[in-house]
C-alpha atoms as a PDB file:
ATOM      1  CA  MET A   1      70.986  -9.650 111.496  1.00  0.00           C
ATOM      2  CA  ARG A   2      68.143  -7.190 110.927  1.00  0.00           C
ATOM      3  CA  ARG A   3      68.126  -8.022 107.221  1.00  0.00           C
ATOM      4  CA  GLY A   4      67.674 -11.701 108.062  1.00  0.00           C
ATOM      5  CA  VAL A   5      64.734 -10.895 110.353  1.00  0.00           C
ATOM      6  CA  GLU A   6      63.115  -8.837 107.598  1.00  0.00           C
ATOM      7  CA  ARG A   7      63.508 -11.723 105.149  1.00  0.00           C
ATOM      8  CA  CYS A   8      61.906 -14.049 107.679  1.00  0.00           C
ATOM      9  CA  TYR A   9      58.888 -11.771 108.076  1.00  0.00           C
ATOM     10  CA  ALA A  10      58.641 -11.289 104.295  1.00  0.00           C
ATOM     11  CA  SER A  11      58.608 -15.056 103.825  1.00  0.00           C
ATOM     12  CA  LEU A  12      55.802 -15.439 106.363  1.00  0.00           C
ATOM     13  CA  VAL A  13      53.799 -12.736 104.608  1.00  0.00           C
ATOM     14  CA  THR A  14      54.139 -14.548 101.283  1.00  0.00           C
ATOM     15  CA  ASP A  15      53.305 -17.961 102.726  1.00  0.00           C
ATOM     16  CA  PHE A  16      50.675 -17.196 105.341  1.00  0.00           C
ATOM     17  CA  ILE A  17      48.800 -13.967 104.552  1.00  0.00           C
ATOM     18  CA  ARG A  18      45.913 -14.250 102.105  1.00  0.00           C
ATOM     19  CA  ASP A  19      42.840 -12.294 101.085  1.00  0.00           C
ATOM     20  CA  PHE A  20      39.537 -13.776 102.175  1.00  0.00           C
ATOM     21  CA  ASP A  21      36.081 -12.273 102.619  1.00  0.00           C
ATOM     22  CA  GLY A  22      37.294  -8.783 101.760  1.00  0.00           C
ATOM     23  CA  ARG A  23      40.209  -8.607 104.210  1.00  0.00           C
ATOM     24  CA  GLN A  24      43.671 -10.013 104.864  1.00  0.00           C
ATOM     25  CA  TYR A  25      43.913 -13.094 107.070  1.00  0.00           C
ATOM     26  CA  PHE A  26      46.908 -14.718 108.653  1.00  0.00           C
ATOM     27  CA  SER A  27      46.118 -18.184 107.317  1.00  0.00           C
ATOM     28  CA  VAL A  28      47.574 -21.525 108.421  1.00  0.00           C
ATOM     29  CA  TRP A  29      46.125 -24.103 106.047  1.00  0.00           C
ATOM     30  CA  ARG A  30      47.165 -27.787 106.245  1.00  0.00           C
ATOM     31  CA  ARG A  31      50.629 -26.960 107.540  1.00  0.00           C
ATOM     32  CA  GLU A  32      52.462 -26.373 110.795  1.00  0.00           C
ATOM     33  CA  TYR A  33      51.729 -23.273 112.817  1.00  0.00           C
ATOM     34  CA  PRO A  34      54.739 -20.894 112.569  1.00  0.00           C
ATOM     35  CA  ALA A  35      56.378 -19.700 115.774  1.00  0.00           C
ATOM     36  CA  ALA A  36      56.355 -16.067 114.624  1.00  0.00           C
ATOM     37  CA  ALA A  37      52.665 -16.036 113.626  1.00  0.00           C
ATOM     38  CA  VAL A  38      51.470 -13.511 116.204  1.00  0.00           C
ATOM     39  CA  GLU A  39      54.481 -11.214 115.745  1.00  0.00           C
ATOM     40  CA  THR A  40      53.972 -11.203 111.973  1.00  0.00           C
ATOM     41  CA  ALA A  41      50.272 -10.387 112.249  1.00  0.00           C
ATOM     42  CA  LEU A  42      50.935  -7.513 114.643  1.00  0.00           C
ATOM     43  CA  ARG A  43      53.797  -6.205 112.530  1.00  0.00           C
ATOM     44  CA  TYR A  44      51.615  -5.981 109.409  1.00  0.00           C
ATOM     45  CA  GLY A  45      48.397  -4.891 111.085  1.00  0.00           C
ATOM     46  CA  ILE A  46      46.556  -8.163 110.425  1.00  0.00           C
ATOM     47  CA  ASN A  47      43.531  -8.565 112.713  1.00  0.00           C
ATOM     48  CA  ALA A  48      42.071 -11.715 111.115  1.00  0.00           C
ATOM     49  CA  LEU A  49      43.131 -15.336 111.718  1.00  0.00           C
ATOM     50  CA  GLU A  50      42.343 -18.520 109.799  1.00  0.00           C
ATOM     51  CA  LEU A  51      43.309 -21.954 111.147  1.00  0.00           C
ATOM     52  CA  ALA A  52      42.396 -24.766 108.779  1.00  0.00           C
ATOM     53  CA  HIS A  53      43.339 -28.394 109.523  1.00  0.00           C
ATOM     54  CA  VAL A  54      46.626 -27.291 111.101  1.00  0.00           C
ATOM     55  CA  THR A  55      49.304 -29.992 111.087  1.00  0.00           C
ATOM     56  CA  THR A  56      49.988 -30.845 114.721  1.00  0.00           C
ATOM     57  CA  GLU A  57      49.777 -33.746 117.158  1.00  0.00           C
ATOM     58  CA  ASN A  58      48.982 -31.394 120.026  1.00  0.00           C
ATOM     59  CA  ARG A  59      45.396 -32.012 121.206  1.00  0.00           C
ATOM     60  CA  ASN A  60      45.504 -28.640 122.977  1.00  0.00           C
ATOM     61  CA  PHE A  61      46.804 -26.747 119.980  1.00  0.00           C
ATOM     62  CA  TYR A  62      44.098 -24.079 120.254  1.00  0.00           C
ATOM     63  CA  ASP A  63      45.674 -22.808 123.458  1.00  0.00           C
ATOM     64  CA  VAL A  64      47.563 -20.522 121.040  1.00  0.00           C
ATOM     65  CA  LEU A  65      44.366 -18.468 120.762  1.00  0.00           C
ATOM     66  CA  SER A  66      45.257 -16.886 124.107  1.00  0.00           C
ATOM     67  CA  ASP A  67      47.923 -14.956 122.146  1.00  0.00           C
ATOM     68  CA  TRP A  68      45.407 -13.714 119.543  1.00  0.00           C
ATOM     69  CA  LYS A  69      43.054 -11.686 121.717  1.00  0.00           C
ATOM     70  CA  PHE A  70      43.504  -8.714 119.373  1.00  0.00           C
ATOM     71  CA  VAL A  71      41.832 -10.403 116.364  1.00  0.00           C
ATOM     72  CA  GLU A  72      38.418  -9.242 115.167  1.00  0.00           C
ATOM     73  CA  HIS A  73      37.829 -11.981 112.580  1.00  0.00           C
ATOM     74  CA  PHE A  74      38.446 -15.713 113.100  1.00  0.00           C
ATOM     75  CA  ARG A  75      37.848 -18.762 110.931  1.00  0.00           C
ATOM     76  CA  VAL A  76      38.523 -22.354 111.953  1.00  0.00           C
ATOM     77  CA  LEU A  77      38.144 -25.611 110.017  1.00  0.00           C
ATOM     78  CA  ASP A  78      39.085 -28.752 111.890  1.00  0.00           C
ATOM     79  CA  PHE A  79      38.048 -32.376 111.350  1.00  0.00           C
ATOM     80  CA  GLU A  80      40.307 -33.484 114.196  1.00  0.00           C
ATOM     81  CA  LYS A  81      37.818 -32.524 116.941  1.00  0.00           C
ATOM     82  CA  ARG A  82      40.403 -30.725 119.035  1.00  0.00           C
ATOM     83  CA  PRO A  83      38.938 -28.729 121.970  1.00  0.00           C
ATOM     84  CA  LEU A  84      38.216 -25.162 120.930  1.00  0.00           C
ATOM     85  CA  ASP A  85      37.089 -23.602 124.193  1.00  0.00           C
ATOM     86  CA  LYS A  86      39.829 -20.955 123.958  1.00  0.00           C
ATOM     87  CA  VAL A  87      37.860 -19.265 121.181  1.00  0.00           C
ATOM     88  CA  HIS A  88      35.794 -17.637 123.929  1.00  0.00           C
ATOM     89  CA  GLU A  89      38.837 -15.545 124.858  1.00  0.00           C
ATOM     90  CA  LEU A  90      38.614 -13.684 121.528  1.00  0.00           C
ATOM     91  CA  THR A  91      36.124 -11.177 122.865  1.00  0.00           C
ATOM     92  CA  ARG A  92      36.863  -8.559 120.179  1.00  0.00           C
ATOM     93  CA  LEU A  93      35.488 -10.757 117.395  1.00  0.00           C
ATOM     94  CA  ARG A  94      33.196  -9.195 114.816  1.00  0.00           C
ATOM     95  CA  THR A  95      33.230 -12.214 112.453  1.00  0.00           C
ATOM     96  CA  LEU A  96      33.382 -15.885 113.440  1.00  0.00           C
ATOM     97  CA  TYR A  97      33.489 -18.930 111.152  1.00  0.00           C
ATOM     98  CA  LEU A  98      33.080 -22.305 112.889  1.00  0.00           C
ATOM     99  CA  GLU A  99      33.284 -24.903 110.121  1.00  0.00           C
ATOM    100  CA  ASP A 100      34.040 -28.635 110.094  1.00  0.00           C
ATOM    101  CA  ASN A 101      34.367 -28.607 113.860  1.00  0.00           C
ATOM    102  CA  CYS A 102      32.090 -30.282 116.382  1.00  0.00           C
ATOM    103  CA  ALA A 103      34.278 -29.847 119.455  1.00  0.00           C
ATOM    104  CA  CYS A 104      33.072 -26.380 120.406  1.00  0.00           C
ATOM    105  CA  ALA A 105      29.676 -25.669 121.935  1.00  0.00           C
ATOM    106  CA  CYS A 106      30.161 -21.934 121.368  1.00  0.00           C
ATOM    107  CA  ASP A 107      28.189 -19.252 123.141  1.00  0.00           C
ATOM    108  CA  PRO A 108      28.399 -16.248 120.778  1.00  0.00           C
ATOM    109  CA  ARG A 109      27.056 -13.950 123.486  1.00  0.00           C
ATOM    110  CA  VAL A 110      30.589 -13.723 124.911  1.00  0.00           C
ATOM    111  CA  PHE A 111      31.474 -11.750 121.762  1.00  0.00           C
ATOM    112  CA  PRO A 112      29.632  -8.450 122.312  1.00  0.00           C
ATOM    113  CA  HIS A 113      30.786  -6.979 118.972  1.00  0.00           C
ATOM    114  CA  LEU A 114      29.910 -10.005 116.827  1.00  0.00           C
ATOM    115  CA  VAL A 115      27.923  -9.094 113.708  1.00  0.00           C
ATOM    116  CA  LYS A 116      28.584 -12.097 111.430  1.00  0.00           C
ATOM    117  CA  LEU A 117      28.481 -15.795 112.338  1.00  0.00           C
ATOM    118  CA  ILE A 118      29.013 -18.708 109.947  1.00  0.00           C
ATOM    119  CA  VAL A 119      28.548 -22.021 111.696  1.00  0.00           C
ATOM    120  CA  GLU A 120      28.109 -25.705 110.964  1.00  0.00           C
ATOM    121  CA  TRP A 121      25.195 -26.954 113.055  1.00  0.00           C
ATOM    122  CA  TYR A 122      25.609 -29.417 115.912  1.00  0.00           C
ATOM    123  CA  GLU A 123      23.269 -30.117 118.785  1.00  0.00           C
ATOM    124  CA  SER A 124      25.710 -28.348 121.109  1.00  0.00           C
ATOM    125  CA  ARG A 125      25.159 -25.037 119.325  1.00  0.00           C
ATOM    126  CA  TYR A 126      21.638 -23.934 120.199  1.00  0.00           C
ATOM    127  CA  LEU A 127      23.149 -20.840 121.846  1.00  0.00           C
ATOM    128  CA  CYS A 128      24.174 -19.663 118.371  1.00  0.00           C
ATOM    129  CA  LEU A 129      20.525 -18.679 117.897  1.00  0.00           C
ATOM    130  CA  SER A 130      20.737 -15.946 120.531  1.00  0.00           C
ATOM    131  CA  HIS A 131      22.731 -12.716 120.266  1.00  0.00           C
ATOM    132  CA  PRO A 132      21.711  -9.056 120.779  1.00  0.00           C
ATOM    133  CA  ALA A 133      23.801  -7.581 117.934  1.00  0.00           C
ATOM    134  CA  LEU A 134      24.231 -10.308 115.298  1.00  0.00           C
ATOM    135  CA  GLN A 135      23.293  -9.069 111.810  1.00  0.00           C
ATOM    136  CA  ASN A 136      24.398 -11.890 109.505  1.00  0.00           C
ATOM    137  CA  LEU A 137      23.919 -15.598 110.262  1.00  0.00           C
ATOM    138  CA  CYS A 138      24.797 -18.514 107.972  1.00  0.00           C
ATOM    139  CA  ILE A 139      24.096 -22.079 109.150  1.00  0.00           C
ATOM    140  CA  TYR A 140      25.171 -25.279 107.414  1.00  0.00           C
ATOM    141  CA  GLU A 141      23.328 -28.583 107.934  1.00  0.00           C
ATOM    142  CA  PHE A 142      20.713 -26.986 110.171  1.00  0.00           C
ATOM    143  CA  LYS A 143      18.753 -30.019 111.387  1.00  0.00           C
ATOM    144  CA  PRO A 144      17.808 -29.329 115.008  1.00  0.00           C
ATOM    145  CA  LYS A 145      16.366 -32.225 116.989  1.00  0.00           C
ATOM    146  CA  GLU A 146      14.844 -30.035 119.696  1.00  0.00           C
ATOM    147  CA  PRO A 147      12.441 -27.065 119.457  1.00  0.00           C
ATOM    148  CA  ILE A 148      14.434 -23.932 118.701  1.00  0.00           C
ATOM    149  CA  SER A 149      14.242 -20.625 120.539  1.00  0.00           C
ATOM    150  CA  ILE A 150      15.552 -17.681 118.540  1.00  0.00           C
ATOM    151  CA  ASP A 151      16.581 -14.319 119.959  1.00  0.00           C
ATOM    152  CA  LEU A 152      18.284 -12.339 117.193  1.00  0.00           C
ATOM    153  CA  PRO A 153      16.617  -8.909 117.194  1.00  0.00           C
ATOM    154  CA  GLN A 154      19.186  -7.246 114.873  1.00  0.00           C
ATOM    155  CA  LEU A 155      19.435 -10.022 112.293  1.00  0.00           C
ATOM    156  CA  GLU A 156      19.304  -8.702 108.707  1.00  0.00           C
ATOM    157  CA  LYS A 157      20.665 -11.609 106.669  1.00  0.00           C
ATOM    158  CA  LEU A 158      19.886 -15.313 107.146  1.00  0.00           C
ATOM    159  CA  SER A 159      21.353 -18.136 105.032  1.00  0.00           C
ATOM    160  CA  VAL A 160      20.548 -21.796 105.676  1.00  0.00           C
ATOM    161  CA  PHE A 161      22.207 -24.578 103.672  1.00  0.00           C
ATOM    162  CA  GLY A 162      20.908 -28.107 104.155  1.00  0.00           C
ATOM    163  CA  THR A 163      17.986 -28.204 106.577  1.00  0.00           C
ATOM    164  CA  ASN A 164      14.958 -30.183 107.661  1.00  0.00           C
ATOM    165  CA  ILE A 165      12.845 -27.163 108.621  1.00  0.00           C
ATOM    166  CA  VAL A 166       9.451 -26.769 106.983  1.00  0.00           C
ATOM    167  CA  SER A 167       8.866 -23.153 108.000  1.00  0.00           C
ATOM    168  CA  LEU A 168      10.523 -19.951 109.193  1.00  0.00           C
ATOM    169  CA  ALA A 169       7.796 -19.318 111.756  1.00  0.00           C
ATOM    170  CA  ALA A 170      10.259 -19.812 114.624  1.00  0.00           C
ATOM    171  CA  TRP A 171      12.215 -16.809 113.335  1.00  0.00           C
ATOM    172  CA  ASP A 172       9.265 -14.434 113.551  1.00  0.00           C
ATOM    173  CA  GLY A 173      11.039 -12.252 116.118  1.00  0.00           C
ATOM    174  CA  CYS A 174      13.661 -11.309 113.514  1.00  0.00           C
ATOM    175  CA  SER A 175      11.604  -8.440 112.154  1.00  0.00           C
ATOM    176  CA  ASN A 176      14.677  -6.684 110.678  1.00  0.00           C
ATOM    177  CA  LEU A 177      15.419  -9.469 108.207  1.00  0.00           C
ATOM    178  CA  LYS A 178      16.186  -8.074 104.754  1.00  0.00           C
ATOM    179  CA  ARG A 179      17.762 -11.069 102.986  1.00  0.00           C
ATOM    180  CA  ILE A 180      16.889 -14.762 103.266  1.00  0.00           C
ATOM    181  CA  ARG A 181      18.524 -17.654 101.449  1.00  0.00           C
ATOM    182  CA  ILE A 182      17.196 -21.189 101.910  1.00  0.00           C
ATOM    183  CA  THR A 183      19.107 -23.925 100.069  1.00  0.00           C
ATOM    184  CA  ARG A 184      18.716 -27.718 100.089  1.00  0.00           C
ATOM    185  CA  ALA A 185      15.548 -27.563 102.171  1.00  0.00           C
ATOM    186  CA  ARG A 186      13.597 -30.498 100.806  1.00  0.00           C
ATOM    187  CA  LYS A 187      10.895 -30.339 103.475  1.00  0.00           C
ATOM    188  CA  PHE A 188      10.379 -26.578 103.384  1.00  0.00           C
ATOM    189  CA  THR A 189       6.810 -25.678 102.358  1.00  0.00           C
ATOM    190  CA  ASP A 190       5.646 -22.709 104.417  1.00  0.00           C
ATOM    191  CA  LEU A 191       6.291 -19.686 102.226  1.00  0.00           C
ATOM    192  CA  ALA A 192       3.545 -17.900 104.158  1.00  0.00           C
ATOM    193  CA  SER A 193       5.966 -17.610 107.101  1.00  0.00           C
ATOM    194  CA  LEU A 194       7.811 -14.930 105.102  1.00  0.00           C
ATOM    195  CA  ARG A 195       4.958 -12.557 105.962  1.00  0.00           C
ATOM    196  CA  ASN A 196       6.612 -12.199 109.373  1.00  0.00           C
ATOM    197  CA  PHE A 197       9.440 -10.193 107.785  1.00  0.00           C
ATOM    198  CA  PRO A 198       8.047  -6.898 106.484  1.00  0.00           C
ATOM    199  CA  GLN A 199      11.533  -5.498 105.741  1.00  0.00           C
ATOM    200  CA  LEU A 200      12.443  -8.375 103.430  1.00  0.00           C
ATOM    201  CA  GLU A 201      14.106  -7.183 100.202  1.00  0.00           C
ATOM    202  CA  ASP A 202      15.782 -10.300  98.789  1.00  0.00           C
ATOM    203  CA  VAL A 203      14.559 -13.927  98.821  1.00  0.00           C
ATOM    204  CA  TRP A 204      16.628 -16.781  97.418  1.00  0.00           C
ATOM    205  CA  LEU A 205      15.067 -20.257  97.324  1.00  0.00           C
ATOM    206  CA  GLN A 206      17.130 -23.117  95.931  1.00  0.00           C
ATOM    207  CA  GLU A 207      16.410 -26.859  96.008  1.00  0.00           C
ATOM    208  CA  THR A 208      13.118 -26.342  97.833  1.00  0.00           C
ATOM    209  CA  PRO A 209      11.004 -28.748  95.753  1.00  0.00           C
ATOM    210  CA  LEU A 210       7.829 -28.617  97.866  1.00  0.00           C
ATOM    211  CA  VAL A 211       7.285 -24.845  97.711  1.00  0.00           C
ATOM    212  CA  THR A 212       4.172 -23.904  95.735  1.00  0.00           C
ATOM    213  CA  GLU A 213       2.547 -20.696  97.038  1.00  0.00           C
ATOM    214  CA  PHE A 214       4.781 -18.257  95.194  1.00  0.00           C
ATOM    215  CA  GLU A 215       2.040 -15.622  94.983  1.00  0.00           C
ATOM    216  CA  ILE A 216       2.749 -14.854  98.644  1.00  0.00           C
ATOM    217  CA  LEU A 217       5.907 -13.047  97.514  1.00  0.00           C
ATOM    218  CA  ASN A 218       3.686 -10.320  96.072  1.00  0.00           C
ATOM    219  CA  GLU A 219       2.478  -9.553  99.608  1.00  0.00           C
ATOM    220  CA  LEU A 220       5.949  -8.615 100.869  1.00  0.00           C
ATOM    221  CA  PRO A 221       5.895  -4.812 100.614  1.00  0.00           C
ATOM    222  CA  ASN A 222       9.662  -4.207 100.331  1.00  0.00           C
ATOM    223  CA  LEU A 223      10.639  -7.222  98.243  1.00  0.00           C
ATOM    224  CA  LYS A 224      12.902  -6.249  95.324  1.00  0.00           C
ATOM    225  CA  ILE A 225      14.589  -9.522  94.286  1.00  0.00           C
ATOM    226  CA  ALA A 226      13.282 -13.110  94.149  1.00  0.00           C
ATOM    227  CA  ARG A 227      15.762 -15.810  93.077  1.00  0.00           C
ATOM    228  CA  LEU A 228      13.661 -18.845  92.193  1.00  0.00           C
ATOM    229  CA  ALA A 229      15.662 -20.704  89.537  1.00  0.00           C
ATOM    230  CA  GLU A 230      15.584 -23.994  91.461  1.00  0.00           C
ATOM    231  CA  ALA A 231      12.892 -23.136  93.970  1.00  0.00           C
ATOM    232  CA  GLY A 232      10.239 -25.750  93.365  1.00  0.00           C
ATOM    233  CA  ARG A 233       6.932 -25.954  91.531  1.00  0.00           C
ATOM    234  CA  LEU A 234       6.947 -22.497  89.990  1.00  0.00           C
ATOM    235  CA  PRO A 235       4.170 -22.286  87.379  1.00  0.00           C
ATOM    236  CA  GLN A 236       5.187 -20.983  83.985  1.00  0.00           C
ATOM    237  CA  ASP A 237       2.401 -18.392  84.132  1.00  0.00           C
ATOM    238  CA  ALA A 238       3.203 -17.175  87.655  1.00  0.00           C
ATOM    239  CA  THR A 239       3.036 -13.384  87.831  1.00  0.00           C
ATOM    240  CA  PHE A 240       4.777 -11.013  90.196  1.00  0.00           C
ATOM    241  CA  ARG A 241       4.612  -7.324  90.992  1.00  0.00           C
ATOM    242  CA  PRO A 242       6.513  -5.258  88.391  1.00  0.00           C
ATOM    243  CA  ASP A 243       8.863  -3.888  91.033  1.00  0.00           C
ATOM    244  CA  ILE A 244      10.103  -7.393  91.936  1.00  0.00           C
ATOM    245  CA  GLN A 245      13.053  -8.613  89.866  1.00  0.00           C
ATOM    246  CA  VAL A 246      12.526 -12.362  89.458  1.00  0.00           C
ATOM    247  CA  TYR A 247      15.223 -14.853  88.468  1.00  0.00           C
ATOM    248  CA  ARG A 248      13.605 -18.090  87.246  1.00  0.00           C
END
């Protein structure tokens, strides 16, 4: 009997545990959620959960999250718009991915230990711009319709993919920022707003066709890397400080 149980757990490990983002996740991807999921994760010391387009007709499927209060890392992808309010019970989270899901307003402040947030933008997610400890924020399709208020005093890394912003002036309270990546920002012009981030070490601009004032990068005292291969109108004769490594 015990041998059969061990084979069952071994099968679940093979089928459902995968490496992602530097750690092992219990991952249910486009298949049914296994009954022994929680037991398997606890047995093998897995504290990360990934639920991606889980095969189920249950509109309240995410009630299962009440059994995962021990996880520190959670990723969800879901086109089905199932209610995800139960995510707020995972108060031990340090990493949260909310992708392909518009059914969760999400107030990250209920996760006191959260340091990394990857989120697809919806108008219900303005609260994602406020957290006392968040260090790493990545936002997809960031096109806010209302004025934004940002309170992220510990933020060190900001990545924005697909946005209508023209400036980073609204982020001026994030004085600890060290890395910024702006991609697919076709209206972005205000490179001068980077002066608000004196700790900045790494700037990555990609598909920002209206950017022109690249000389401003020389004014950033701690800048070490500038990735500008698809940044915009970078003159061939543009010069940069010798201590800045530039990728054109």
